[in-house]
């Protein structure tokens, strides 16, 4: 239960207000939807270079996550949710996603499935230099469900961009993935990168859930749980103090 001080802060500063206060009750995946979201499934850069190529996804393993991407596409199609497929493009001299290369092609699991819109991009955000926003507005879409690669790069960029444009976002954490980095700033494993980014996304930018949970939302009309930076921080402080 929230303290009186916490409630006063929440009502005075809506940015820190937990979603369950805004809605008048806790918003979990078991709650019915009051206003059904108009979703589009955004399938980002599911290309061969991520499948054991020059940018091999490690966590979750590509072989597992790509199955969930395909499952999400099938569920979206069955539920009448529009599917947008995004593809990253790079010059012919690039070590990854080089124009005309096998690595740049869509993975067969995605290429074989239907889609409502197709976009090629050159930068991390699927909105930059593309017609994605115009297409979404024209189709009255208000909620984006993001899958594909990579969690910390194109997914993250697209999600933050979408939130700034006023879209609600859902992120299927087992239909995405990361790889490790080492540079002058340090080292981070694929698991660390994926885990930290998903926690950050859930705190403010997206409802993070598994593919099976999302499919259930499509069937029942339930809303996935959302959170706030304030509530997320308070839980972390409580955990540290325990």
C-alpha atoms as a PDB file:
ATOM      1  CA  UNK A   1       0.000   0.000   0.000  1.00  0.00           C
ATOM      2  CA  UNK A   2       1.259   3.489  -0.838  1.00  0.00           C
ATOM      3  CA  UNK A   3       1.983   6.007   1.916  1.00  0.00           C
ATOM      4  CA  UNK A   4       0.108   9.334   2.073  1.00  0.00           C
ATOM      5  CA  UNK A   5       3.298  11.099   0.984  1.00  0.00           C
ATOM      6  CA  UNK A   6       3.668   8.863  -2.050  1.00  0.00           C
ATOM      7  CA  UNK A   7       0.051   9.447  -3.052  1.00  0.00           C
ATOM      8  CA  UNK A   8       0.474  13.212  -2.781  1.00  0.00           C
ATOM      9  CA  UNK A   9       3.582  13.112  -4.970  1.00  0.00           C
ATOM     10  CA  UNK A  10       1.793  10.899  -7.506  1.00  0.00           C
ATOM     11  CA  UNK A  11      -1.218  13.179  -7.817  1.00  0.00           C
ATOM     12  CA  UNK A  12       0.831  16.363  -7.916  1.00  0.00           C
ATOM     13  CA  UNK A  13       3.271  15.039 -10.507  1.00  0.00           C
ATOM     14  CA  UNK A  14       1.497  12.743 -13.032  1.00  0.00           C
ATOM     15  CA  UNK A  15       4.816  11.699 -14.596  1.00  0.00           C
ATOM     16  CA  UNK A  16       5.516   9.679 -11.450  1.00  0.00           C
ATOM     17  CA  UNK A  17       1.963   8.395 -11.100  1.00  0.00           C
ATOM     18  CA  UNK A  18       1.610   4.588 -11.218  1.00  0.00           C
ATOM     19  CA  UNK A  19      -0.786   3.418 -13.910  1.00  0.00           C
ATOM     20  CA  UNK A  20      -3.074   1.745 -11.403  1.00  0.00           C
ATOM     21  CA  UNK A  21      -3.790   5.139  -9.800  1.00  0.00           C
ATOM     22  CA  UNK A  22      -4.524   6.716 -13.166  1.00  0.00           C
ATOM     23  CA  UNK A  23      -6.955   3.950 -14.075  1.00  0.00           C
ATOM     24  CA  UNK A  24      -8.605   3.779 -10.684  1.00  0.00           C
ATOM     25  CA  UNK A  25      -7.517   0.192 -10.163  1.00  0.00           C
ATOM     26  CA  UNK A  26      -4.522  -1.981 -10.752  1.00  0.00           C
ATOM     27  CA  UNK A  27      -3.984  -2.593 -14.458  1.00  0.00           C
ATOM     28  CA  UNK A  28      -2.752  -6.149 -14.889  1.00  0.00           C
ATOM     29  CA  UNK A  29      -3.045  -8.655 -17.673  1.00  0.00           C
ATOM     30  CA  UNK A  30      -6.151 -10.112 -16.059  1.00  0.00           C
ATOM     31  CA  UNK A  31      -8.062  -6.835 -16.276  1.00  0.00           C
ATOM     32  CA  UNK A  32     -10.475  -6.310 -19.178  1.00  0.00           C
ATOM     33  CA  UNK A  33      -9.696  -3.609 -21.699  1.00  0.00           C
ATOM     34  CA  UNK A  34     -11.841  -0.488 -21.399  1.00  0.00           C
ATOM     35  CA  UNK A  35     -10.724   0.926 -24.727  1.00  0.00           C
ATOM     36  CA  UNK A  36      -9.351  -1.725 -27.051  1.00  0.00           C
ATOM     37  CA  UNK A  37      -5.940  -0.783 -28.469  1.00  0.00           C
ATOM     38  CA  UNK A  38      -5.578  -0.534 -32.237  1.00  0.00           C
ATOM     39  CA  UNK A  39      -2.388  -2.493 -32.613  1.00  0.00           C
ATOM     40  CA  UNK A  40       0.204  -3.013 -35.295  1.00  0.00           C
ATOM     41  CA  UNK A  41       2.922  -5.646 -34.946  1.00  0.00           C
ATOM     42  CA  UNK A  42       6.292  -4.089 -35.853  1.00  0.00           C
ATOM     43  CA  UNK A  43       8.752  -6.785 -36.946  1.00  0.00           C
ATOM     44  CA  UNK A  44      12.202  -5.210 -36.874  1.00  0.00           C
ATOM     45  CA  UNK A  45      15.227  -6.481 -38.804  1.00  0.00           C
ATOM     46  CA  UNK A  46      14.757 -10.245 -38.594  1.00  0.00           C
ATOM     47  CA  UNK A  47      17.575 -10.834 -41.069  1.00  0.00           C
ATOM     48  CA  UNK A  48      20.059 -13.605 -41.740  1.00  0.00           C
ATOM     49  CA  UNK A  49      23.090 -11.801 -40.308  1.00  0.00           C
ATOM     50  CA  UNK A  50      21.523 -12.244 -36.870  1.00  0.00           C
ATOM     51  CA  UNK A  51      21.178 -15.996 -37.412  1.00  0.00           C
ATOM     52  CA  UNK A  52      24.787 -17.069 -36.881  1.00  0.00           C
ATOM     53  CA  UNK A  53      26.093 -14.394 -39.244  1.00  0.00           C
ATOM     54  CA  UNK A  54      28.297 -11.393 -38.546  1.00  0.00           C
ATOM     55  CA  UNK A  55      25.938 -10.153 -35.806  1.00  0.00           C
ATOM     56  CA  UNK A  56      24.849 -13.419 -34.228  1.00  0.00           C
ATOM     57  CA  UNK A  57      22.185 -12.944 -31.566  1.00  0.00           C
ATOM     58  CA  UNK A  58      23.119 -14.686 -28.300  1.00  0.00           C
ATOM     59  CA  UNK A  59      20.421 -13.911 -25.731  1.00  0.00           C
ATOM     60  CA  UNK A  60      17.778 -15.073 -25.945  1.00  0.00           C
ATOM     61  CA  UNK A  61      19.149 -17.526 -28.534  1.00  0.00           C
ATOM     62  CA  UNK A  62      18.110 -16.644 -32.070  1.00  0.00           C
ATOM     63  CA  UNK A  63      16.693 -20.118 -32.709  1.00  0.00           C
ATOM     64  CA  UNK A  64      14.231 -19.556 -29.861  1.00  0.00           C
ATOM     65  CA  UNK A  65      13.379 -15.911 -30.399  1.00  0.00           C
ATOM     66  CA  UNK A  66      12.740 -16.219 -34.131  1.00  0.00           C
ATOM     67  CA  UNK A  67      10.134 -18.900 -33.401  1.00  0.00           C
ATOM     68  CA  UNK A  68       8.364 -16.404 -31.159  1.00  0.00           C
ATOM     69  CA  UNK A  69       8.544 -13.699 -33.816  1.00  0.00           C
ATOM     70  CA  UNK A  70       6.835 -16.083 -36.224  1.00  0.00           C
ATOM     71  CA  UNK A  71       4.280 -17.010 -33.569  1.00  0.00           C
ATOM     72  CA  UNK A  72       3.497 -13.345 -32.965  1.00  0.00           C
ATOM     73  CA  UNK A  73       3.061 -12.761 -36.702  1.00  0.00           C
ATOM     74  CA  UNK A  74       0.670 -15.697 -36.995  1.00  0.00           C
ATOM     75  CA  UNK A  75      -1.328 -14.562 -33.957  1.00  0.00           C
ATOM     76  CA  UNK A  76      -1.501 -11.004 -35.257  1.00  0.00           C
ATOM     77  CA  UNK A  77      -2.778 -12.137 -38.635  1.00  0.00           C
ATOM     78  CA  UNK A  78      -5.391 -14.372 -37.016  1.00  0.00           C
ATOM     79  CA  UNK A  79      -6.562 -11.501 -34.789  1.00  0.00           C
ATOM     80  CA  UNK A  80      -6.714  -8.936 -37.582  1.00  0.00           C
ATOM     81  CA  UNK A  81      -3.691  -7.011 -36.267  1.00  0.00           C
ATOM     82  CA  UNK A  82      -1.709  -5.407 -39.075  1.00  0.00           C
ATOM     83  CA  UNK A  83       1.898  -6.525 -39.530  1.00  0.00           C
ATOM     84  CA  UNK A  84       4.721  -4.197 -40.558  1.00  0.00           C
ATOM     85  CA  UNK A  85       8.042  -5.759 -41.568  1.00  0.00           C
ATOM     86  CA  UNK A  86      11.175  -3.611 -41.291  1.00  0.00           C
ATOM     87  CA  UNK A  87      14.493  -4.351 -42.966  1.00  0.00           C
ATOM     88  CA  UNK A  88      17.878  -2.734 -42.237  1.00  0.00           C
ATOM     89  CA  UNK A  89      19.892  -1.717 -45.293  1.00  0.00           C
ATOM     90  CA  UNK A  90      23.624  -0.980 -45.554  1.00  0.00           C
ATOM     91  CA  UNK A  91      26.112  -0.234 -48.362  1.00  0.00           C
ATOM     92  CA  UNK A  92      27.635  -3.119 -50.310  1.00  0.00           C
ATOM     93  CA  UNK A  93      30.935  -2.644 -48.451  1.00  0.00           C
ATOM     94  CA  UNK A  94      29.361  -3.010 -44.994  1.00  0.00           C
ATOM     95  CA  UNK A  95      30.309  -6.071 -42.884  1.00  0.00           C
ATOM     96  CA  UNK A  96      26.640  -6.488 -41.952  1.00  0.00           C
ATOM     97  CA  UNK A  97      23.383  -6.135 -43.891  1.00  0.00           C
ATOM     98  CA  UNK A  98      25.304  -5.346 -47.067  1.00  0.00           C
ATOM     99  CA  UNK A  99      23.056  -4.632 -50.015  1.00  0.00           C
ATOM    100  CA  UNK A 100      22.604  -7.770 -52.116  1.00  0.00           C
ATOM    101  CA  UNK A 101      24.111 -10.105 -49.494  1.00  0.00           C
ATOM    102  CA  UNK A 102      22.547 -13.184 -47.937  1.00  0.00           C
ATOM    103  CA  UNK A 103      22.991 -11.639 -44.506  1.00  0.00           C
ATOM    104  CA  UNK A 104      20.821  -8.682 -45.432  1.00  0.00           C
ATOM    105  CA  UNK A 105      17.888 -10.797 -46.550  1.00  0.00           C
ATOM    106  CA  UNK A 106      14.885 -11.401 -44.348  1.00  0.00           C
ATOM    107  CA  UNK A 107      15.030 -14.657 -42.419  1.00  0.00           C
ATOM    108  CA  UNK A 108      12.952 -17.339 -44.176  1.00  0.00           C
ATOM    109  CA  UNK A 109      10.473 -17.530 -41.265  1.00  0.00           C
ATOM    110  CA  UNK A 110       9.596 -13.881 -41.856  1.00  0.00           C
ATOM    111  CA  UNK A 111       9.902 -13.831 -45.650  1.00  0.00           C
ATOM    112  CA  UNK A 112       7.364 -16.657 -45.973  1.00  0.00           C
ATOM    113  CA  UNK A 113       4.698 -14.861 -43.931  1.00  0.00           C
ATOM    114  CA  UNK A 114       2.266 -12.208 -45.025  1.00  0.00           C
ATOM    115  CA  UNK A 115       2.590  -8.548 -44.105  1.00  0.00           C
ATOM    116  CA  UNK A 116       0.540  -5.403 -44.488  1.00  0.00           C
ATOM    117  CA  UNK A 117       3.414  -2.986 -44.962  1.00  0.00           C
ATOM    118  CA  UNK A 118       7.142  -3.229 -45.729  1.00  0.00           C
ATOM    119  CA  UNK A 119       9.826  -0.669 -44.921  1.00  0.00           C
ATOM    120  CA  UNK A 120      13.552  -0.450 -45.585  1.00  0.00           C
ATOM    121  CA  UNK A 121      15.566   1.760 -43.243  1.00  0.00           C
ATOM    122  CA  UNK A 122      19.130   3.002 -42.836  1.00  0.00           C
ATOM    123  CA  UNK A 123      19.124   4.140 -39.198  1.00  0.00           C
ATOM    124  CA  UNK A 124      18.166   2.426 -35.920  1.00  0.00           C
ATOM    125  CA  UNK A 125      14.699   3.960 -35.537  1.00  0.00           C
ATOM    126  CA  UNK A 126      12.137   2.547 -37.937  1.00  0.00           C
ATOM    127  CA  UNK A 127      10.567   6.014 -38.053  1.00  0.00           C
ATOM    128  CA  UNK A 128      13.590   7.943 -39.332  1.00  0.00           C
ATOM    129  CA  UNK A 129      13.570   8.487 -43.081  1.00  0.00           C
ATOM    130  CA  UNK A 130      10.573   6.182 -43.617  1.00  0.00           C
ATOM    131  CA  UNK A 131       6.809   6.442 -44.037  1.00  0.00           C
ATOM    132  CA  UNK A 132       6.077   4.431 -40.887  1.00  0.00           C
ATOM    133  CA  UNK A 133       4.405   7.228 -38.948  1.00  0.00           C
ATOM    134  CA  UNK A 134       2.236   8.242 -41.912  1.00  0.00           C
ATOM    135  CA  UNK A 135       1.159   4.637 -42.464  1.00  0.00           C
ATOM    136  CA  UNK A 136       0.318   4.127 -38.795  1.00  0.00           C
ATOM    137  CA  UNK A 137      -1.717   7.339 -38.641  1.00  0.00           C
ATOM    138  CA  UNK A 138      -3.536   6.477 -41.868  1.00  0.00           C
ATOM    139  CA  UNK A 139      -4.541   3.139 -40.354  1.00  0.00           C
ATOM    140  CA  UNK A 140      -5.587   4.676 -37.012  1.00  0.00           C
ATOM    141  CA  UNK A 141      -2.987   2.645 -35.105  1.00  0.00           C
ATOM    142  CA  UNK A 142      -2.376   3.759 -31.519  1.00  0.00           C
ATOM    143  CA  UNK A 143      -0.363   0.838 -30.109  1.00  0.00           C
ATOM    144  CA  UNK A 144       2.814  -0.742 -31.467  1.00  0.00           C
ATOM    145  CA  UNK A 145       3.909  -4.245 -30.522  1.00  0.00           C
ATOM    146  CA  UNK A 146       7.636  -4.515 -31.203  1.00  0.00           C
ATOM    147  CA  UNK A 147       9.535  -7.724 -31.964  1.00  0.00           C
ATOM    148  CA  UNK A 148      12.812  -8.404 -33.736  1.00  0.00           C
ATOM    149  CA  UNK A 149      16.387  -7.235 -33.322  1.00  0.00           C
ATOM    150  CA  UNK A 150      18.258  -5.927 -31.542  1.00  0.00           C
ATOM    151  CA  UNK A 151      16.708  -5.284 -28.140  1.00  0.00           C
ATOM    152  CA  UNK A 152      19.175  -2.532 -27.292  1.00  0.00           C
ATOM    153  CA  UNK A 153      19.577  -0.913 -30.708  1.00  0.00           C
ATOM    154  CA  UNK A 154      16.827  -0.727 -33.321  1.00  0.00           C
ATOM    155  CA  UNK A 155      14.102  -1.959 -30.964  1.00  0.00           C
ATOM    156  CA  UNK A 156      15.047   0.545 -28.271  1.00  0.00           C
ATOM    157  CA  UNK A 157      15.403   3.412 -30.754  1.00  0.00           C
ATOM    158  CA  UNK A 158      12.062   2.682 -32.384  1.00  0.00           C
ATOM    159  CA  UNK A 159      10.257   2.313 -29.058  1.00  0.00           C
ATOM    160  CA  UNK A 160      11.511   5.599 -27.618  1.00  0.00           C
ATOM    161  CA  UNK A 161      10.758   7.364 -30.900  1.00  0.00           C
ATOM    162  CA  UNK A 162       7.232   5.925 -30.870  1.00  0.00           C
ATOM    163  CA  UNK A 163       6.567   7.044 -27.292  1.00  0.00           C
ATOM    164  CA  UNK A 164       7.658  10.578 -28.137  1.00  0.00           C
ATOM    165  CA  UNK A 165       5.156  10.534 -31.003  1.00  0.00           C
ATOM    166  CA  UNK A 166       2.336   9.563 -28.669  1.00  0.00           C
ATOM    167  CA  UNK A 167       2.032   5.841 -29.422  1.00  0.00           C
ATOM    168  CA  UNK A 168       1.607   3.204 -26.733  1.00  0.00           C
ATOM    169  CA  UNK A 169       4.157   0.404 -27.054  1.00  0.00           C
ATOM    170  CA  UNK A 170       4.346  -3.281 -26.162  1.00  0.00           C
ATOM    171  CA  UNK A 171       7.617  -5.222 -26.290  1.00  0.00           C
ATOM    172  CA  UNK A 172       7.782  -9.014 -26.531  1.00  0.00           C
ATOM    173  CA  UNK A 173      10.984  -9.825 -24.671  1.00  0.00           C
ATOM    174  CA  UNK A 174      11.298 -13.427 -25.874  1.00  0.00           C
ATOM    175  CA  UNK A 175      10.824 -12.433 -29.524  1.00  0.00           C
ATOM    176  CA  UNK A 176      13.882 -10.178 -29.485  1.00  0.00           C
ATOM    177  CA  UNK A 177      17.545 -10.510 -28.574  1.00  0.00           C
ATOM    178  CA  UNK A 178      20.945  -8.990 -27.917  1.00  0.00           C
ATOM    179  CA  UNK A 179      24.638  -9.732 -28.400  1.00  0.00           C
ATOM    180  CA  UNK A 180      27.702  -8.836 -26.285  1.00  0.00           C
ATOM    181  CA  UNK A 181      29.716  -5.623 -26.568  1.00  0.00           C
ATOM    182  CA  UNK A 182      33.243  -4.638 -25.550  1.00  0.00           C
ATOM    183  CA  UNK A 183      34.606  -1.154 -26.159  1.00  0.00           C
ATOM    184  CA  UNK A 184      36.358   1.723 -24.373  1.00  0.00           C
ATOM    185  CA  UNK A 185      33.394   2.033 -21.999  1.00  0.00           C
ATOM    186  CA  UNK A 186      33.673  -1.574 -20.822  1.00  0.00           C
ATOM    187  CA  UNK A 187      32.091  -4.993 -21.422  1.00  0.00           C
ATOM    188  CA  UNK A 188      28.509  -6.200 -21.248  1.00  0.00           C
ATOM    189  CA  UNK A 189      27.218  -9.672 -22.008  1.00  0.00           C
ATOM    190  CA  UNK A 190      24.219 -10.270 -24.234  1.00  0.00           C
ATOM    191  CA  UNK A 191      22.190 -11.356 -21.209  1.00  0.00           C
ATOM    192  CA  UNK A 192      23.096  -8.208 -19.268  1.00  0.00           C
ATOM    193  CA  UNK A 193      22.235  -5.904 -22.141  1.00  0.00           C
ATOM    194  CA  UNK A 194      18.918  -7.600 -22.869  1.00  0.00           C
ATOM    195  CA  UNK A 195      17.883  -7.802 -19.216  1.00  0.00           C
ATOM    196  CA  UNK A 196      18.772  -4.206 -18.348  1.00  0.00           C
ATOM    197  CA  UNK A 197      17.093  -2.758 -21.429  1.00  0.00           C
ATOM    198  CA  UNK A 198      13.873  -4.685 -20.806  1.00  0.00           C
ATOM    199  CA  UNK A 199      13.766  -3.443 -17.200  1.00  0.00           C
ATOM    200  CA  UNK A 200      14.272   0.135 -18.409  1.00  0.00           C
ATOM    201  CA  UNK A 201      11.594  -0.230 -21.064  1.00  0.00           C
ATOM    202  CA  UNK A 202       9.067  -1.580 -18.564  1.00  0.00           C
ATOM    203  CA  UNK A 203       9.757   1.354 -16.239  1.00  0.00           C
ATOM    204  CA  UNK A 204       8.490   3.971 -18.676  1.00  0.00           C
ATOM    205  CA  UNK A 205       8.487   3.213 -22.376  1.00  0.00           C
ATOM    206  CA  UNK A 206       6.646  -0.067 -22.989  1.00  0.00           C
ATOM    207  CA  UNK A 207       4.659  -2.915 -21.525  1.00  0.00           C
ATOM    208  CA  UNK A 208       7.143  -5.790 -21.552  1.00  0.00           C
ATOM    209  CA  UNK A 209       5.715  -9.295 -21.788  1.00  0.00           C
ATOM    210  CA  UNK A 210       6.279 -12.726 -23.295  1.00  0.00           C
ATOM    211  CA  UNK A 211       4.849 -13.776 -26.635  1.00  0.00           C
ATOM    212  CA  UNK A 212       2.462 -16.291 -25.055  1.00  0.00           C
ATOM    213  CA  UNK A 213       1.138 -13.571 -22.742  1.00  0.00           C
ATOM    214  CA  UNK A 214       0.600 -11.225 -25.670  1.00  0.00           C
ATOM    215  CA  UNK A 215      -1.248 -13.893 -27.640  1.00  0.00           C
ATOM    216  CA  UNK A 216      -3.494 -14.370 -24.608  1.00  0.00           C
ATOM    217  CA  UNK A 217      -4.131 -10.611 -24.515  1.00  0.00           C
ATOM    218  CA  UNK A 218      -5.287 -10.780 -28.127  1.00  0.00           C
ATOM    219  CA  UNK A 219      -7.703 -13.565 -27.217  1.00  0.00           C
ATOM    220  CA  UNK A 220      -9.109 -12.103 -23.992  1.00  0.00           C
ATOM    221  CA  UNK A 221      -8.865  -8.367 -24.592  1.00  0.00           C
ATOM    222  CA  UNK A 222      -6.762  -7.892 -21.443  1.00  0.00           C
ATOM    223  CA  UNK A 223      -4.203  -5.109 -21.198  1.00  0.00           C
ATOM    224  CA  UNK A 224      -0.571  -5.931 -20.401  1.00  0.00           C
ATOM    225  CA  UNK A 225       0.791  -4.441 -17.201  1.00  0.00           C
ATOM    226  CA  UNK A 226       2.581  -1.094 -17.399  1.00  0.00           C
ATOM    227  CA  UNK A 227       4.755   0.663 -14.841  1.00  0.00           C
ATOM    228  CA  UNK A 228       6.444   3.958 -13.967  1.00  0.00           C
ATOM    229  CA  UNK A 229       9.985   5.065 -13.196  1.00  0.00           C
ATOM    230  CA  UNK A 230       8.935   6.059  -9.683  1.00  0.00           C
ATOM    231  CA  UNK A 231       7.303   2.745  -8.808  1.00  0.00           C
ATOM    232  CA  UNK A 232      10.190   0.810 -10.371  1.00  0.00           C
ATOM    233  CA  UNK A 233      12.710   2.772  -8.331  1.00  0.00           C
ATOM    234  CA  UNK A 234      10.745   2.338  -5.107  1.00  0.00           C
ATOM    235  CA  UNK A 235      10.697  -1.445  -5.563  1.00  0.00           C
ATOM    236  CA  UNK A 236      14.446  -1.477  -6.179  1.00  0.00           C
ATOM    237  CA  UNK A 237      15.077   0.566  -3.032  1.00  0.00           C
ATOM    238  CA  UNK A 238      12.850  -1.762  -1.020  1.00  0.00           C
ATOM    239  CA  UNK A 239      14.700  -4.768  -2.409  1.00  0.00           C
ATOM    240  CA  UNK A 240      18.073  -3.258  -1.473  1.00  0.00           C
ATOM    241  CA  UNK A 241      16.858  -2.511   2.034  1.00  0.00           C
ATOM    242  CA  UNK A 242      15.468  -6.010   2.617  1.00  0.00           C
END
